N, C-alpha and C. Protein backbone atom coordinates (compact mmCIF):
# COMPACT_ATOMS: atom_id res chain seq x y z
N UNK A 1 0.79 -20.29 4.13
CA UNK A 1 0.06 -19.95 5.33
C UNK A 1 1.05 -19.59 6.43
N UNK A 2 0.76 -18.52 7.12
CA UNK A 2 1.62 -18.05 8.20
C UNK A 2 1.67 -19.07 9.34
N UNK A 3 2.80 -19.21 9.93
CA UNK A 3 2.96 -20.12 11.05
C UNK A 3 2.51 -19.50 12.37
N UNK A 4 2.34 -18.18 12.35
CA UNK A 4 1.91 -17.43 13.53
C UNK A 4 0.68 -16.61 13.11
N UNK A 5 -0.32 -16.56 13.97
CA UNK A 5 -1.52 -15.81 13.63
C UNK A 5 -1.23 -14.32 13.51
N UNK A 6 -2.02 -13.65 12.70
CA UNK A 6 -1.90 -12.21 12.51
C UNK A 6 -2.86 -11.53 13.47
N UNK A 7 -2.34 -10.62 14.28
CA UNK A 7 -3.19 -9.89 15.23
C UNK A 7 -4.13 -8.99 14.43
N UNK A 8 -5.43 -9.08 14.67
CA UNK A 8 -6.36 -8.19 13.95
C UNK A 8 -6.11 -6.73 14.34
N UNK A 9 -6.09 -5.86 13.37
CA UNK A 9 -5.86 -4.44 13.63
C UNK A 9 -6.91 -3.90 14.60
N UNK A 10 -8.13 -4.39 14.48
CA UNK A 10 -9.23 -3.93 15.32
C UNK A 10 -8.98 -4.19 16.81
N UNK A 11 -8.17 -5.20 17.11
CA UNK A 11 -7.92 -5.53 18.52
C UNK A 11 -6.70 -4.80 19.09
N UNK A 12 -5.99 -4.07 18.26
CA UNK A 12 -4.81 -3.33 18.72
C UNK A 12 -5.24 -2.08 19.49
N UNK A 13 -4.39 -1.70 20.45
CA UNK A 13 -4.70 -0.53 21.26
C UNK A 13 -3.45 0.31 21.47
N UNK A 14 -3.66 1.56 21.87
CA UNK A 14 -2.57 2.45 22.26
C UNK A 14 -1.56 2.69 21.16
N UNK A 15 -0.29 2.63 21.53
CA UNK A 15 0.80 2.92 20.60
C UNK A 15 0.83 1.95 19.43
N UNK A 16 0.46 0.70 19.68
CA UNK A 16 0.45 -0.30 18.61
C UNK A 16 -0.60 0.08 17.57
N UNK A 17 -1.77 0.48 18.02
CA UNK A 17 -2.84 0.90 17.10
C UNK A 17 -2.39 2.12 16.30
N UNK A 18 -1.74 3.08 16.99
CA UNK A 18 -1.25 4.29 16.30
C UNK A 18 -0.21 3.93 15.25
N UNK A 19 0.70 3.04 15.59
CA UNK A 19 1.72 2.62 14.62
C UNK A 19 1.07 1.90 13.45
N UNK A 20 0.08 1.05 13.72
CA UNK A 20 -0.63 0.35 12.64
C UNK A 20 -1.32 1.35 11.72
N UNK A 21 -1.94 2.36 12.29
CA UNK A 21 -2.61 3.38 11.47
C UNK A 21 -1.61 4.16 10.62
N UNK A 22 -0.44 4.45 11.19
CA UNK A 22 0.60 5.15 10.44
C UNK A 22 1.07 4.28 9.26
N UNK A 23 1.26 3.00 9.52
CA UNK A 23 1.68 2.09 8.46
C UNK A 23 0.62 2.00 7.37
N UNK A 24 -0.62 1.93 7.77
CA UNK A 24 -1.70 1.86 6.78
C UNK A 24 -1.76 3.13 5.95
N UNK A 25 -1.54 4.28 6.59
CA UNK A 25 -1.56 5.55 5.86
C UNK A 25 -0.39 5.62 4.88
N UNK A 26 0.76 5.05 5.26
CA UNK A 26 1.95 5.09 4.43
C UNK A 26 1.92 4.04 3.32
N UNK A 27 1.54 2.82 3.67
CA UNK A 27 1.62 1.69 2.73
C UNK A 27 0.29 1.30 2.11
N UNK A 28 -0.80 1.79 2.69
CA UNK A 28 -2.11 1.39 2.21
C UNK A 28 -2.59 0.09 2.81
N UNK A 29 -1.82 -0.47 3.72
CA UNK A 29 -2.14 -1.73 4.35
C UNK A 29 -1.31 -1.84 5.64
N UNK A 30 -1.82 -2.54 6.62
CA UNK A 30 -1.01 -2.86 7.80
C UNK A 30 -0.29 -4.17 7.46
N UNK A 31 1.02 -4.13 7.31
CA UNK A 31 1.74 -5.32 6.87
C UNK A 31 1.55 -6.51 7.81
N UNK A 32 1.53 -7.68 7.22
CA UNK A 32 1.44 -8.90 8.01
C UNK A 32 2.61 -9.01 8.98
N UNK A 33 3.75 -8.47 8.60
CA UNK A 33 4.90 -8.50 9.52
C UNK A 33 4.57 -7.76 10.80
N UNK A 34 4.01 -6.56 10.69
CA UNK A 34 3.65 -5.79 11.89
C UNK A 34 2.59 -6.52 12.69
N UNK A 35 1.62 -7.10 12.01
CA UNK A 35 0.55 -7.82 12.69
C UNK A 35 1.09 -9.07 13.39
N UNK A 36 2.17 -9.62 12.88
CA UNK A 36 2.82 -10.76 13.54
C UNK A 36 3.63 -10.26 14.74
N UNK A 37 4.44 -9.22 14.53
CA UNK A 37 5.25 -8.66 15.62
C UNK A 37 4.37 -8.18 16.76
N UNK A 38 3.12 -7.82 16.47
CA UNK A 38 2.21 -7.29 17.49
C UNK A 38 1.93 -8.30 18.60
N UNK A 39 2.29 -9.56 18.41
CA UNK A 39 2.21 -10.53 19.51
C UNK A 39 3.13 -10.08 20.65
N UNK A 40 4.15 -9.33 20.31
CA UNK A 40 5.06 -8.74 21.28
C UNK A 40 5.13 -7.25 20.96
N UNK A 41 4.25 -6.46 21.55
CA UNK A 41 4.15 -5.04 21.20
C UNK A 41 5.48 -4.28 21.26
N UNK A 42 6.33 -4.63 22.20
CA UNK A 42 7.61 -3.93 22.30
C UNK A 42 8.47 -4.19 21.06
N UNK A 43 8.37 -5.38 20.50
CA UNK A 43 9.10 -5.69 19.27
C UNK A 43 8.46 -4.96 18.09
N UNK A 44 7.14 -4.97 18.02
CA UNK A 44 6.45 -4.29 16.93
C UNK A 44 6.80 -2.80 16.90
N UNK A 45 6.78 -2.16 18.06
CA UNK A 45 7.09 -0.73 18.11
C UNK A 45 8.56 -0.46 17.81
N UNK A 46 9.43 -1.27 18.36
CA UNK A 46 10.86 -1.09 18.10
C UNK A 46 11.17 -1.29 16.63
N UNK A 47 10.55 -2.31 16.02
CA UNK A 47 10.78 -2.55 14.60
C UNK A 47 10.25 -1.40 13.76
N UNK A 48 9.05 -0.92 14.07
CA UNK A 48 8.48 0.20 13.31
C UNK A 48 9.38 1.43 13.41
N UNK A 49 9.90 1.69 14.59
CA UNK A 49 10.80 2.85 14.77
C UNK A 49 12.12 2.64 14.03
N UNK A 50 12.67 1.43 14.09
CA UNK A 50 13.93 1.16 13.39
C UNK A 50 13.73 1.27 11.88
N UNK A 51 12.66 0.69 11.37
CA UNK A 51 12.40 0.76 9.93
C UNK A 51 12.23 2.20 9.47
N UNK A 52 11.55 3.00 10.26
CA UNK A 52 11.35 4.41 9.92
C UNK A 52 12.70 5.14 9.94
N UNK A 53 13.54 4.85 10.93
CA UNK A 53 14.85 5.51 11.01
C UNK A 53 15.76 5.09 9.86
N UNK A 54 15.74 3.82 9.51
CA UNK A 54 16.64 3.31 8.46
C UNK A 54 16.15 3.70 7.07
N UNK A 55 14.88 3.51 6.81
CA UNK A 55 14.36 3.73 5.46
C UNK A 55 13.78 5.12 5.24
N UNK A 56 13.36 5.77 6.32
CA UNK A 56 12.64 7.02 6.16
C UNK A 56 13.41 8.29 6.49
N UNK A 57 14.62 8.15 6.96
CA UNK A 57 15.41 9.34 7.29
C UNK A 57 16.78 9.23 6.62
N UNK A 58 17.59 10.26 6.81
CA UNK A 58 18.94 10.24 6.27
C UNK A 58 19.05 11.00 4.97
N UNK A 59 20.21 10.86 4.34
CA UNK A 59 20.49 11.61 3.11
C UNK A 59 20.68 10.73 1.89
N UNK A 60 20.70 9.41 2.06
CA UNK A 60 20.78 8.52 0.90
C UNK A 60 19.41 8.54 0.22
N UNK A 61 19.42 8.66 -1.10
CA UNK A 61 18.20 8.69 -1.90
C UNK A 61 17.30 7.50 -1.56
N UNK A 62 16.02 7.77 -1.35
CA UNK A 62 15.08 6.70 -0.96
C UNK A 62 15.04 5.59 -2.01
N UNK A 63 15.06 5.94 -3.28
CA UNK A 63 15.03 4.92 -4.32
C UNK A 63 16.23 3.99 -4.18
N UNK A 64 17.40 4.55 -3.93
CA UNK A 64 18.58 3.70 -3.78
C UNK A 64 18.44 2.80 -2.56
N UNK A 65 17.90 3.33 -1.47
CA UNK A 65 17.71 2.49 -0.29
C UNK A 65 16.78 1.31 -0.60
N UNK A 66 15.71 1.58 -1.34
CA UNK A 66 14.78 0.50 -1.67
C UNK A 66 15.43 -0.47 -2.66
N UNK A 67 16.25 0.04 -3.57
CA UNK A 67 17.00 -0.86 -4.47
C UNK A 67 17.90 -1.78 -3.67
N UNK A 68 18.58 -1.24 -2.67
CA UNK A 68 19.46 -2.04 -1.80
C UNK A 68 18.61 -3.07 -1.05
N UNK A 69 17.47 -2.65 -0.52
CA UNK A 69 16.58 -3.56 0.20
C UNK A 69 16.13 -4.70 -0.71
N UNK A 70 15.78 -4.37 -1.95
CA UNK A 70 15.37 -5.38 -2.93
C UNK A 70 16.52 -6.34 -3.23
N UNK A 71 17.73 -5.80 -3.39
CA UNK A 71 18.89 -6.64 -3.68
C UNK A 71 19.13 -7.64 -2.55
N UNK A 72 19.05 -7.17 -1.31
CA UNK A 72 19.22 -8.08 -0.17
C UNK A 72 18.15 -9.16 -0.20
N UNK A 73 16.91 -8.76 -0.43
CA UNK A 73 15.80 -9.71 -0.41
C UNK A 73 15.88 -10.73 -1.53
N UNK A 74 16.31 -10.30 -2.73
CA UNK A 74 16.46 -11.26 -3.82
C UNK A 74 17.67 -12.17 -3.57
N UNK A 75 18.71 -11.63 -2.97
CA UNK A 75 19.88 -12.45 -2.65
C UNK A 75 19.50 -13.54 -1.65
N UNK A 76 18.67 -13.19 -0.68
CA UNK A 76 18.23 -14.15 0.33
C UNK A 76 17.05 -15.00 -0.14
N UNK A 77 16.35 -14.56 -1.18
CA UNK A 77 15.20 -15.31 -1.68
C UNK A 77 13.99 -15.24 -0.77
N UNK A 78 13.70 -14.08 -0.19
CA UNK A 78 12.55 -13.92 0.70
C UNK A 78 11.36 -13.37 -0.08
N UNK A 79 10.40 -14.22 -0.44
CA UNK A 79 9.27 -13.76 -1.25
C UNK A 79 8.48 -12.61 -0.62
N UNK A 80 8.30 -12.64 0.68
CA UNK A 80 7.55 -11.57 1.35
C UNK A 80 8.25 -10.23 1.15
N UNK A 81 9.54 -10.18 1.42
CA UNK A 81 10.27 -8.91 1.31
C UNK A 81 10.50 -8.52 -0.16
N UNK A 82 10.65 -9.50 -1.03
CA UNK A 82 10.74 -9.20 -2.46
C UNK A 82 9.44 -8.54 -2.92
N UNK A 83 8.31 -9.06 -2.47
CA UNK A 83 7.03 -8.48 -2.82
C UNK A 83 6.90 -7.04 -2.35
N UNK A 84 7.29 -6.79 -1.11
CA UNK A 84 7.21 -5.43 -0.57
C UNK A 84 8.16 -4.48 -1.30
N UNK A 85 9.41 -4.87 -1.45
CA UNK A 85 10.38 -3.95 -2.04
C UNK A 85 10.15 -3.76 -3.53
N UNK A 86 9.75 -4.81 -4.24
CA UNK A 86 9.45 -4.62 -5.67
C UNK A 86 8.22 -3.74 -5.82
N UNK A 87 7.24 -3.88 -4.94
CA UNK A 87 6.07 -3.02 -4.97
C UNK A 87 6.44 -1.56 -4.75
N UNK A 88 7.33 -1.32 -3.79
CA UNK A 88 7.78 0.05 -3.54
C UNK A 88 8.54 0.59 -4.75
N UNK A 89 9.37 -0.24 -5.37
CA UNK A 89 10.11 0.20 -6.55
C UNK A 89 9.17 0.50 -7.72
N UNK A 90 8.15 -0.33 -7.90
CA UNK A 90 7.16 -0.05 -8.94
C UNK A 90 6.50 1.30 -8.70
N UNK A 91 6.16 1.57 -7.43
CA UNK A 91 5.50 2.83 -7.09
C UNK A 91 6.37 4.05 -7.40
N UNK A 92 7.70 3.88 -7.36
CA UNK A 92 8.58 5.02 -7.64
C UNK A 92 9.16 4.96 -9.06
N UNK A 93 8.53 4.13 -9.90
CA UNK A 93 8.86 4.19 -11.31
C UNK A 93 9.81 3.15 -11.87
N UNK A 94 10.20 2.16 -11.11
CA UNK A 94 11.09 1.12 -11.64
C UNK A 94 10.26 0.07 -12.37
N UNK A 95 10.73 -0.31 -13.53
CA UNK A 95 10.05 -1.34 -14.31
C UNK A 95 10.73 -2.69 -14.16
N UNK A 96 10.22 -3.65 -14.89
CA UNK A 96 10.72 -5.03 -14.83
C UNK A 96 12.21 -5.10 -15.19
N UNK A 97 12.63 -4.32 -16.19
CA UNK A 97 14.03 -4.34 -16.62
C UNK A 97 14.94 -3.89 -15.48
N UNK A 98 14.55 -2.83 -14.79
CA UNK A 98 15.37 -2.36 -13.66
C UNK A 98 15.39 -3.37 -12.52
N UNK A 99 14.25 -3.99 -12.23
CA UNK A 99 14.22 -5.01 -11.17
C UNK A 99 15.15 -6.17 -11.51
N UNK A 100 15.09 -6.63 -12.75
CA UNK A 100 15.98 -7.72 -13.18
C UNK A 100 17.44 -7.25 -13.12
N UNK A 101 17.67 -5.99 -13.47
CA UNK A 101 19.02 -5.44 -13.42
C UNK A 101 19.58 -5.39 -12.01
N UNK A 102 18.73 -5.11 -11.05
CA UNK A 102 19.18 -5.09 -9.65
C UNK A 102 19.60 -6.50 -9.25
N UNK A 103 18.81 -7.48 -9.63
CA UNK A 103 19.13 -8.87 -9.29
C UNK A 103 20.45 -9.31 -9.89
N UNK A 104 20.71 -8.92 -11.15
CA UNK A 104 21.90 -9.39 -11.86
C UNK A 104 23.06 -8.40 -11.82
N UNK A 105 22.84 -7.26 -11.19
CA UNK A 105 23.85 -6.18 -11.16
C UNK A 105 24.23 -5.73 -12.56
N UNK A 106 23.25 -5.55 -13.40
CA UNK A 106 23.47 -5.10 -14.79
C UNK A 106 24.14 -3.73 -14.78
N UNK A 107 25.38 -3.68 -15.25
CA UNK A 107 26.15 -2.44 -15.13
C UNK A 107 25.65 -1.31 -16.02
N UNK A 108 24.98 -1.64 -17.09
CA UNK A 108 24.55 -0.59 -18.02
C UNK A 108 23.28 0.14 -17.56
N UNK A 109 22.61 -0.36 -16.54
CA UNK A 109 21.36 0.26 -16.09
C UNK A 109 21.54 1.27 -14.96
N UNK A 110 22.67 1.21 -14.29
CA UNK A 110 22.81 1.99 -13.06
C UNK A 110 24.09 2.81 -13.05
N UNK A 111 24.06 3.85 -12.26
CA UNK A 111 25.25 4.69 -12.10
C UNK A 111 26.31 3.91 -11.32
N UNK A 112 27.54 4.39 -11.36
CA UNK A 112 28.62 3.76 -10.60
C UNK A 112 28.27 3.73 -9.11
N UNK A 113 27.69 4.81 -8.62
CA UNK A 113 27.29 4.92 -7.23
C UNK A 113 26.26 3.83 -6.87
N UNK A 114 25.25 3.67 -7.72
CA UNK A 114 24.22 2.65 -7.48
C UNK A 114 24.81 1.24 -7.55
N UNK A 115 25.67 0.99 -8.53
CA UNK A 115 26.29 -0.34 -8.66
C UNK A 115 27.10 -0.69 -7.44
N UNK A 116 27.84 0.27 -6.91
CA UNK A 116 28.65 0.01 -5.71
C UNK A 116 27.76 -0.32 -4.52
N UNK A 117 26.69 0.44 -4.35
CA UNK A 117 25.78 0.17 -3.23
C UNK A 117 25.15 -1.21 -3.37
N UNK A 118 24.79 -1.59 -4.58
CA UNK A 118 24.19 -2.91 -4.81
C UNK A 118 25.22 -4.03 -4.61
N UNK A 119 26.45 -3.81 -5.06
CA UNK A 119 27.53 -4.81 -4.82
C UNK A 119 27.77 -4.97 -3.34
N UNK A 120 27.81 -3.84 -2.62
CA UNK A 120 27.99 -3.89 -1.17
C UNK A 120 26.84 -4.68 -0.53
N UNK A 121 25.61 -4.41 -0.94
CA UNK A 121 24.44 -5.10 -0.38
C UNK A 121 24.56 -6.61 -0.59
N UNK A 122 24.94 -7.00 -1.80
CA UNK A 122 25.08 -8.43 -2.08
C UNK A 122 26.19 -9.05 -1.25
N UNK A 123 27.36 -8.41 -1.22
CA UNK A 123 28.49 -8.97 -0.48
C UNK A 123 28.20 -9.02 1.02
N UNK A 124 27.63 -7.95 1.56
CA UNK A 124 27.35 -7.89 2.99
C UNK A 124 26.26 -8.90 3.38
N UNK A 125 25.43 -9.27 2.43
CA UNK A 125 24.40 -10.28 2.68
C UNK A 125 24.99 -11.69 2.58
N UNK A 126 25.79 -11.93 1.56
CA UNK A 126 26.34 -13.27 1.34
C UNK A 126 27.44 -13.62 2.36
N UNK A 127 28.31 -12.66 2.65
CA UNK A 127 29.44 -12.94 3.53
C UNK A 127 29.96 -11.63 4.12
N UNK A 128 29.27 -11.11 5.13
CA UNK A 128 29.63 -9.78 5.65
C UNK A 128 31.06 -9.68 6.16
N UNK A 129 31.62 -10.76 6.64
CA UNK A 129 33.00 -10.71 7.14
C UNK A 129 34.00 -10.52 6.00
N UNK A 130 33.58 -10.75 4.79
CA UNK A 130 34.49 -10.62 3.64
C UNK A 130 34.25 -9.35 2.82
N UNK A 131 33.45 -8.42 3.33
CA UNK A 131 33.34 -7.12 2.67
C UNK A 131 34.73 -6.50 2.72
N UNK A 132 35.26 -6.14 1.58
CA UNK A 132 36.66 -5.68 1.54
C UNK A 132 36.79 -4.19 1.88
N UNK A 133 37.96 -3.85 2.38
CA UNK A 133 38.28 -2.44 2.63
C UNK A 133 38.18 -1.66 1.31
N UNK A 134 38.58 -2.31 0.22
CA UNK A 134 38.55 -1.65 -1.09
C UNK A 134 37.12 -1.28 -1.49
N UNK A 135 36.16 -2.20 -1.27
CA UNK A 135 34.78 -1.91 -1.61
C UNK A 135 34.24 -0.74 -0.78
N UNK A 136 34.54 -0.73 0.50
CA UNK A 136 34.08 0.37 1.34
C UNK A 136 34.77 1.68 0.94
N UNK A 137 36.04 1.61 0.58
CA UNK A 137 36.74 2.82 0.11
C UNK A 137 36.10 3.34 -1.17
N UNK A 138 35.70 2.43 -2.06
CA UNK A 138 35.02 2.85 -3.28
C UNK A 138 33.68 3.51 -2.96
N UNK A 139 32.94 2.94 -2.03
CA UNK A 139 31.67 3.54 -1.60
C UNK A 139 31.90 4.95 -1.07
N UNK A 140 32.98 5.12 -0.32
CA UNK A 140 33.27 6.41 0.30
C UNK A 140 33.67 7.47 -0.72
N UNK A 141 33.94 7.07 -1.95
CA UNK A 141 34.17 8.06 -3.00
C UNK A 141 32.87 8.75 -3.39
N UNK A 142 31.73 8.10 -3.14
CA UNK A 142 30.42 8.63 -3.53
C UNK A 142 29.54 9.00 -2.34
N UNK A 143 29.82 8.39 -1.20
CA UNK A 143 28.96 8.56 -0.03
C UNK A 143 29.78 9.02 1.17
N UNK A 144 29.15 9.80 2.03
CA UNK A 144 29.80 10.17 3.29
C UNK A 144 29.83 8.94 4.20
N UNK A 145 30.58 9.03 5.28
CA UNK A 145 30.61 7.91 6.23
C UNK A 145 29.21 7.64 6.78
N UNK A 146 28.47 8.70 7.08
CA UNK A 146 27.11 8.53 7.56
C UNK A 146 26.22 7.83 6.55
N UNK A 147 26.41 8.14 5.28
CA UNK A 147 25.63 7.49 4.23
C UNK A 147 26.02 6.02 4.06
N UNK A 148 27.29 5.71 4.23
CA UNK A 148 27.71 4.30 4.20
C UNK A 148 27.04 3.55 5.35
N UNK A 149 26.95 4.19 6.51
CA UNK A 149 26.25 3.58 7.64
C UNK A 149 24.78 3.37 7.30
N UNK A 150 24.17 4.36 6.65
CA UNK A 150 22.76 4.22 6.23
C UNK A 150 22.57 3.01 5.33
N UNK A 151 23.43 2.87 4.33
CA UNK A 151 23.34 1.75 3.39
C UNK A 151 23.54 0.44 4.13
N UNK A 152 24.53 0.39 5.01
CA UNK A 152 24.77 -0.83 5.79
C UNK A 152 23.58 -1.15 6.69
N UNK A 153 22.93 -0.12 7.23
CA UNK A 153 21.76 -0.34 8.08
C UNK A 153 20.59 -0.90 7.28
N UNK A 154 20.43 -0.46 6.02
CA UNK A 154 19.39 -1.03 5.16
C UNK A 154 19.69 -2.52 4.96
N UNK A 155 20.95 -2.84 4.69
CA UNK A 155 21.34 -4.24 4.50
C UNK A 155 21.03 -5.05 5.76
N UNK A 156 21.41 -4.51 6.92
CA UNK A 156 21.16 -5.23 8.17
C UNK A 156 19.68 -5.40 8.47
N UNK A 157 18.92 -4.33 8.28
CA UNK A 157 17.47 -4.40 8.52
C UNK A 157 16.82 -5.45 7.63
N UNK A 158 17.20 -5.44 6.36
CA UNK A 158 16.58 -6.39 5.43
C UNK A 158 17.02 -7.82 5.70
N UNK A 159 18.26 -8.03 6.10
CA UNK A 159 18.67 -9.38 6.46
C UNK A 159 17.88 -9.88 7.66
N UNK A 160 17.64 -9.00 8.64
CA UNK A 160 16.81 -9.35 9.79
C UNK A 160 15.40 -9.74 9.33
N UNK A 161 14.78 -8.85 8.55
CA UNK A 161 13.40 -9.11 8.16
C UNK A 161 13.31 -10.36 7.27
N UNK A 162 14.27 -10.52 6.36
CA UNK A 162 14.24 -11.71 5.49
C UNK A 162 14.26 -12.99 6.33
N UNK A 163 15.13 -13.04 7.32
CA UNK A 163 15.26 -14.26 8.13
C UNK A 163 14.01 -14.51 8.97
N UNK A 164 13.51 -13.46 9.63
CA UNK A 164 12.32 -13.62 10.48
C UNK A 164 11.10 -13.97 9.63
N UNK A 165 10.91 -13.24 8.55
CA UNK A 165 9.71 -13.46 7.74
C UNK A 165 9.71 -14.82 7.07
N UNK A 166 10.85 -15.28 6.63
CA UNK A 166 10.93 -16.62 6.05
C UNK A 166 10.71 -17.70 7.10
N UNK A 167 11.32 -17.54 8.27
CA UNK A 167 11.17 -18.55 9.32
C UNK A 167 9.71 -18.68 9.77
N UNK A 168 8.98 -17.57 9.75
CA UNK A 168 7.58 -17.59 10.17
C UNK A 168 6.61 -17.76 9.00
N UNK A 169 7.14 -17.87 7.79
CA UNK A 169 6.34 -18.08 6.57
C UNK A 169 5.22 -17.04 6.44
N UNK A 170 5.58 -15.77 6.54
CA UNK A 170 4.58 -14.72 6.45
C UNK A 170 3.97 -14.67 5.05
N UNK A 171 2.64 -14.63 4.98
CA UNK A 171 2.00 -14.51 3.67
C UNK A 171 2.06 -13.07 3.18
N UNK A 172 2.26 -12.92 1.90
CA UNK A 172 2.33 -11.60 1.29
C UNK A 172 0.94 -11.00 1.17
N UNK A 173 0.82 -9.73 1.50
CA UNK A 173 -0.46 -9.04 1.37
C UNK A 173 -0.83 -8.97 -0.12
N UNK A 174 -2.11 -9.04 -0.39
CA UNK A 174 -2.59 -9.02 -1.77
C UNK A 174 -2.08 -7.80 -2.53
N UNK A 175 -2.00 -6.66 -1.85
CA UNK A 175 -1.56 -5.43 -2.50
C UNK A 175 -0.19 -5.59 -3.16
N UNK A 176 0.69 -6.38 -2.56
CA UNK A 176 2.05 -6.51 -3.05
C UNK A 176 2.27 -7.73 -3.94
N UNK A 177 1.27 -8.57 -4.10
CA UNK A 177 1.39 -9.75 -4.96
C UNK A 177 1.21 -9.33 -6.41
N UNK A 178 2.23 -9.54 -7.22
CA UNK A 178 2.15 -9.20 -8.64
C UNK A 178 2.98 -10.14 -9.48
C-alpha cells in the first residue's frame, strides 16, 4: 500500500492533466509515480519533462536505455521500477532469458557495447565514485561523449526514481504486474 495517496486523474487540471493524458497515451496508464508527484505539480511536470528528455530523446538506442534502466532497478531492488522497465522490455521483444541476462550480465547474450553500458549502470549505481576511467574509456570506444552522458542520465534518473518510489512504497499498476 502506498504511503502517499494517489491524486485521481479526474481531479487534475491544466498542464498536469495534459501530462497525465500524454502518459496514458504512451503507457496505457497514468503511472502511480506521476499521480504521487502530482501532490506537487511542479515536481510532477519537471519529472515528466526530465524522463521524456532522458528516455525519449537522444541517439542511444531506446532498447539499450531501457535495459540500463532495468539493470539499475534490479541492482537497487525496486519492485515498482522493475515492473515498469521489465514491462517495457517485454513490449519491445525481450524475453525472460534476456531479463535474467541483464541482471547477471550474461556475456553471451549481449554485444560488447551493451555489456559495457550494463556494467557502467551497475557500477554507477553501486558506487558511482569508483566508476573507473578505464570503464568510461571503453564506453567511449562505442559511444560518443553525448551518448555516454545519455547513459549516465538514465542511470541517474533511475536511481532517483528507485529511491523515491521505494521510500514511498508505490504500488505497481496492474498493467505492469507479471
